[in-house]
Structure formats: structure tokens, C-alpha cells
C-alpha atoms as a PDB file:
ATOM      1  CA  MET A   1      47.581  68.606 118.151  1.00  0.00           C
ATOM      2  CA  GLN A   2      46.130  68.400 121.385  1.00  0.00           C
ATOM      3  CA  GLN A   3      45.580  71.423 123.532  1.00  0.00           C
ATOM      4  CA  ASP A   4      47.837  70.331 126.351  1.00  0.00           C
ATOM      5  CA  SER A   5      51.083  69.788 123.806  1.00  0.00           C
ATOM      6  CA  ALA A   6      50.132  73.226 122.376  1.00  0.00           C
ATOM      7  CA  GLU A   7      50.454  74.853 125.615  1.00  0.00           C
ATOM      8  CA  THR A   8      53.617  73.168 126.280  1.00  0.00           C
ATOM      9  CA  ILE A   9      55.002  74.501 123.043  1.00  0.00           C
ATOM     10  CA  ALA A  10      53.871  77.823 123.668  1.00  0.00           C
ATOM     11  CA  LEU A  11      55.472  77.889 127.166  1.00  0.00           C
ATOM     12  CA  GLN A  12      58.645  77.143 125.314  1.00  0.00           C
ATOM     13  CA  ALA A  13      58.206  79.736 122.885  1.00  0.00           C
ATOM     14  CA  LEU A  14      57.404  82.107 126.034  1.00  0.00           C
ATOM     15  CA  GLY A  15      60.722  81.050 127.817  1.00  0.00           C
ATOM     16  CA  TRP A  16      62.636  81.593 124.304  1.00  0.00           C
ATOM     17  CA  LEU A  17      61.216  84.907 124.147  1.00  0.00           C
ATOM     18  CA  ALA A  18      61.949  85.649 127.674  1.00  0.00           C
ATOM     19  CA  ALA A  19      65.575  84.783 127.294  1.00  0.00           C
ATOM     20  CA  ASN A  20      65.856  86.837 124.315  1.00  0.00           C
ATOM     21  CA  ASP A  21      67.214  90.098 125.268  1.00  0.00           C
ATOM     22  CA  ASP A  22      66.599  91.795 121.588  1.00  0.00           C
ATOM     23  CA  LEU A  23      62.973  90.618 121.268  1.00  0.00           C
ATOM     24  CA  LEU A  24      61.419  90.451 124.613  1.00  0.00           C
ATOM     25  CA  PRO A  25      60.964  94.366 124.572  1.00  0.00           C
ATOM     26  CA  VAL A  26      59.381  93.933 121.093  1.00  0.00           C
ATOM     27  CA  PHE A  27      57.029  91.413 122.327  1.00  0.00           C
ATOM     28  CA  LEU A  28      56.193  93.463 125.360  1.00  0.00           C
ATOM     29  CA  GLY A  29      55.672  96.572 123.250  1.00  0.00           C
ATOM     30  CA  ALA A  30      53.235  94.737 120.626  1.00  0.00           C
ATOM     31  CA  THR A  31      51.274  93.078 123.087  1.00  0.00           C
ATOM     32  CA  GLY A  32      51.269  95.767 125.819  1.00  0.00           C
ATOM     33  CA  ALA A  33      51.933  93.094 128.379  1.00  0.00           C
ATOM     34  CA  SER A  34      54.455  93.710 131.277  1.00  0.00           C
ATOM     35  CA  GLU A  35      56.887  91.104 132.635  1.00  0.00           C
ATOM     36  CA  ALA A  36      54.679  90.886 135.555  1.00  0.00           C
ATOM     37  CA  ASP A  37      51.817  89.694 133.022  1.00  0.00           C
ATOM     38  CA  LEU A  38      54.184  87.054 131.331  1.00  0.00           C
ATOM     39  CA  ARG A  39      54.492  85.310 134.886  1.00  0.00           C
ATOM     40  CA  ALA A  40      50.882  85.886 135.604  1.00  0.00           C
ATOM     41  CA  ARG A  41      49.432  84.929 132.642  1.00  0.00           C
ATOM     42  CA  ALA A  42      51.545  82.144 131.284  1.00  0.00           C
ATOM     43  CA  ALA A  43      48.891  79.336 132.343  1.00  0.00           C
ATOM     44  CA  GLU A  44      46.056  81.299 130.236  1.00  0.00           C
ATOM     45  CA  PRO A  45      45.800  79.354 126.618  1.00  0.00           C
ATOM     46  CA  GLU A  46      44.581  82.856 125.232  1.00  0.00           C
ATOM     47  CA  PHE A  47      47.876  84.575 126.436  1.00  0.00           C
ATOM     48  CA  LEU A  48      49.942  81.601 125.260  1.00  0.00           C
ATOM     49  CA  GLY A  49      48.029  81.862 121.558  1.00  0.00           C
ATOM     50  CA  SER A  50      49.350  85.412 121.504  1.00  0.00           C
ATOM     51  CA  VAL A  51      52.800  84.198 122.123  1.00  0.00           C
ATOM     52  CA  LEU A  52      52.548  81.995 119.247  1.00  0.00           C
ATOM     53  CA  ASP A  53      50.933  84.860 117.084  1.00  0.00           C
ATOM     54  CA  PHE A  54      53.942  86.981 117.807  1.00  0.00           C
ATOM     55  CA  LEU A  55      56.447  84.501 117.139  1.00  0.00           C
ATOM     56  CA  MET A  56      55.016  83.540 113.861  1.00  0.00           C
ATOM     57  CA  MET A  57      55.058  87.270 112.567  1.00  0.00           C
ATOM     58  CA  ASP A  58      58.599  86.678 111.226  1.00  0.00           C
ATOM     59  CA  ASP A  59      60.016  83.352 109.603  1.00  0.00           C
ATOM     60  CA  ALA A  60      63.363  84.090 111.293  1.00  0.00           C
ATOM     61  CA  TRP A  61      61.897  84.084 114.908  1.00  0.00           C
ATOM     62  CA  VAL A  62      60.086  80.463 113.942  1.00  0.00           C
ATOM     63  CA  VAL A  63      63.507  79.145 112.744  1.00  0.00           C
ATOM     64  CA  ALA A  64      65.572  80.332 115.658  1.00  0.00           C
ATOM     65  CA  PHE A  65      62.918  79.286 118.057  1.00  0.00           C
ATOM     66  CA  CYS A  66      62.362  75.766 116.348  1.00  0.00           C
ATOM     67  CA  GLU A  67      66.172  75.023 115.908  1.00  0.00           C
ATOM     68  CA  GLY A  68      66.669  75.993 119.347  1.00  0.00           C
ATOM     69  CA  GLN A  69      64.216  73.538 120.661  1.00  0.00           C
ATOM     70  CA  GLY A  70      64.536  70.856 118.076  1.00  0.00           C
ATOM     71  CA  LEU A  71      61.210  71.352 116.861  1.00  0.00           C
ATOM     72  CA  ALA A  72      60.002  70.980 113.129  1.00  0.00           C
ATOM     73  CA  PHE A  73      59.031  74.345 111.320  1.00  0.00           C
ATOM     74  CA  ASP A  74      55.474  73.704 111.506  1.00  0.00           C
ATOM     75  CA  ILE A  75      55.119  72.965 114.835  1.00  0.00           C
ATOM     76  CA  PRO A  76      54.154  76.483 116.413  1.00  0.00           C
ATOM     77  CA  MET A  77      51.355  77.028 113.626  1.00  0.00           C
ATOM     78  CA  MET A  78      50.032  73.497 114.795  1.00  0.00           C
ATOM     79  CA  ALA A  79      50.088  74.391 118.394  1.00  0.00           C
ATOM     80  CA  ARG A  80      48.503  77.783 117.606  1.00  0.00           C
ATOM     81  CA  ALA A  81      45.634  76.134 115.691  1.00  0.00           C
ATOM     82  CA  ALA A  82      45.009  74.003 118.790  1.00  0.00           C
ATOM     83  CA  LEU A  83      44.815  76.823 121.083  1.00  0.00           C
ATOM     84  CA  PRO A  84      41.569  79.219 121.554  1.00  0.00           C
ATOM     85  CA  GLY A  85      41.471  81.294 118.535  1.00  0.00           C
ATOM     86  CA  GLY A  86      43.576  79.536 116.367  1.00  0.00           C
ATOM     87  CA  ALA A  87      41.287  78.215 113.789  1.00  0.00           C
ATOM     88  CA  GLN A  88      41.798  78.928 110.498  1.00  0.00           C
ATOM     89  CA  VAL A  89      39.364  81.216 108.770  1.00  0.00           C
ATOM     90  CA  ASN A  90      38.059  80.247 105.503  1.00  0.00           C
ATOM     91  CA  TRP A  91      36.256  83.593 103.901  1.00  0.00           C
ATOM     92  CA  THR A  92      34.943  81.799 101.134  1.00  0.00           C
END
């Protein structure tokens, strides 16, 4: 996946989070971001990576997002890998 496609998917995830009244406060609390930060940093690939990192913390969130967007369940992981800091770490 190319970075521009990954950014688009992460923006979709950000929109999904912003529309979720139950989950948005959890995201804001976990990241320390404010609602103003969401608007100001939405174009930053590193911030978008953090959105996908948060989303992938819970399989139910991934399923709900992907079903809502009509995406395969592995798309968020593929998008995360294409953004800065998303490389898989191999410790061996």
C-alpha cells in the first residue's frame, strides 16, 4: 500500500472516531490530543499513524470501522505499515 492510500484510510478512521461519541473521548484521553489537535494534525502522517494504532488496539473497533467503510479487516494494518513508524519490528 502506498502512503497516500494509507493516509486516506487513516483519515477515514479519524472521521469514524470523531463521529463515535463513546470512543472519541477514549482516543483523546489515550493520546492526550484535544479536539483542536484532531483538526490541526489531521494532515500529519505521524498523527494518522497514531489514529490507526489506537483503532487496532481492539478487534471490535477494527471490525466496526471496516464494516462501516466497506473495507477488508486487514486494511488498517496494511495502512499502518505504510505510514511513518509502522514498520514491523523483528527482534530475532
